[in-house]
């Protein structure tokens, strides 16, 4: 049983780390692809390129705002889960 408990203690921070990293990288990947679309559509031509660039800029601003909101939510969830895991690891004194 101590081996299983030790394994559980090691995997909780690892799960938090992977979850946070994946969410941050997903947001950055989406924003990078939308930024690339702006530059690619500028090369297409004046008519369709300007329209697509404008749409891409609007979507990019929306995605940046959404990623900022998600960053705050991730920080909150990370803090709460860390507090729960630390609380579970802390042993209370017997009376």
Protein backbone atom coordinates (compact mmCIF):
# COMPACT_ATOMS: atom_id res chain seq x y z
CA UNK A 1 0.00 0.00 0.00
CA UNK A 2 2.76 2.55 0.69
CA UNK A 3 4.05 2.09 -2.85
CA UNK A 4 0.64 2.91 -4.31
CA UNK A 5 0.29 5.95 -2.03
CA UNK A 6 3.76 7.18 -3.00
CA UNK A 7 2.90 6.72 -6.69
CA UNK A 8 -0.31 8.70 -6.18
CA UNK A 9 1.57 11.54 -4.51
CA UNK A 10 4.00 11.73 -7.44
CA UNK A 11 1.36 11.61 -10.18
CA UNK A 12 -0.88 14.43 -8.90
CA UNK A 13 1.62 17.25 -9.55
CA UNK A 14 2.56 15.63 -12.85
CA UNK A 15 -1.10 15.61 -13.93
CA UNK A 16 -1.45 19.28 -12.99
CA UNK A 17 1.69 20.14 -14.94
CA UNK A 18 0.64 18.31 -18.11
CA UNK A 19 -2.88 19.76 -17.98
CA UNK A 20 -1.65 23.34 -17.60
CA UNK A 21 1.02 22.93 -20.29
CA UNK A 22 -1.45 21.45 -22.81
CA UNK A 23 -3.95 24.26 -22.30
CA UNK A 24 -1.33 26.97 -22.67
CA UNK A 25 0.17 25.40 -25.79
CA UNK A 26 -3.25 24.93 -27.40
CA UNK A 27 -4.07 28.61 -26.97
CA UNK A 28 -0.72 29.71 -28.36
CA UNK A 29 -1.07 27.37 -31.35
CA UNK A 30 -4.48 28.78 -32.25
CA UNK A 31 -3.29 32.37 -31.99
CA UNK A 32 -0.17 31.61 -34.04
CA UNK A 33 -2.23 29.99 -36.80
CA UNK A 34 -4.65 32.93 -36.93
CA UNK A 35 -1.74 35.37 -37.10
CA UNK A 36 -0.25 33.39 -39.99
CA UNK A 37 -3.61 33.48 -41.80
CA UNK A 38 -3.51 37.30 -41.67
CA UNK A 39 -0.14 37.42 -43.44
CA UNK A 40 -1.06 34.73 -45.97
CA UNK A 41 -4.33 36.42 -46.93
CA UNK A 42 -2.57 39.76 -47.40
CA UNK A 43 -0.60 38.16 -50.23
CA UNK A 44 -3.71 36.86 -52.05
CA UNK A 45 -4.95 40.15 -53.42
CA UNK A 46 -6.62 43.42 -52.53
CA UNK A 47 -10.29 42.38 -52.67
CA UNK A 48 -10.47 38.99 -51.05
CA UNK A 49 -7.25 39.41 -49.07
CA UNK A 50 -8.46 42.54 -47.28
CA UNK A 51 -11.76 40.89 -46.38
CA UNK A 52 -10.11 37.74 -45.06
CA UNK A 53 -7.48 39.76 -43.19
CA UNK A 54 -10.17 41.85 -41.50
CA UNK A 55 -12.07 38.73 -40.47
CA UNK A 56 -8.85 37.14 -39.21
CA UNK A 57 -7.97 40.22 -37.15
CA UNK A 58 -11.41 40.24 -35.53
CA UNK A 59 -11.18 36.52 -34.75
CA UNK A 60 -7.61 37.01 -33.46
CA UNK A 61 -8.73 39.74 -31.05
CA UNK A 62 -11.56 37.49 -29.86
CA UNK A 63 -9.18 34.55 -29.38
CA UNK A 64 -6.69 36.70 -27.44
CA UNK A 65 -9.47 37.82 -25.12
CA UNK A 66 -10.67 34.24 -24.76
CA UNK A 67 -7.15 32.99 -24.03
CA UNK A 68 -6.74 35.66 -21.33
CA UNK A 69 -9.99 34.52 -19.72
CA UNK A 70 -8.90 30.89 -19.93
CA UNK A 71 -5.53 31.80 -18.37
CA UNK A 72 -7.30 33.26 -15.34
CA UNK A 73 -9.55 30.21 -15.06
CA UNK A 74 -6.53 27.88 -15.36
CA UNK A 75 -4.69 29.79 -12.63
CA UNK A 76 -7.74 29.52 -10.38
CA UNK A 77 -8.19 25.79 -11.02
CA UNK A 78 -4.46 25.14 -10.57
CA UNK A 79 -4.50 26.99 -7.24
CA UNK A 80 -7.59 25.17 -5.99
CA UNK A 81 -6.32 21.72 -7.01
CA UNK A 82 -2.92 22.44 -5.48
CA UNK A 83 -4.59 23.47 -2.23
CA UNK A 84 -6.69 20.30 -2.21
CA UNK A 85 -3.69 18.06 -2.92
CA UNK A 86 -1.56 19.77 -0.28
CA UNK A 87 -4.44 19.50 2.18
CA UNK A 88 -4.72 15.78 1.49
CA UNK A 89 -0.99 15.28 1.98
CA UNK A 90 -0.91 17.18 5.26
CA UNK A 91 -1.61 14.95 8.25
CA UNK A 92 -3.53 16.42 11.15
CA UNK A 93 -2.29 15.98 14.71
CA UNK A 94 -4.25 13.57 16.90
CA UNK A 95 -5.85 14.98 20.03
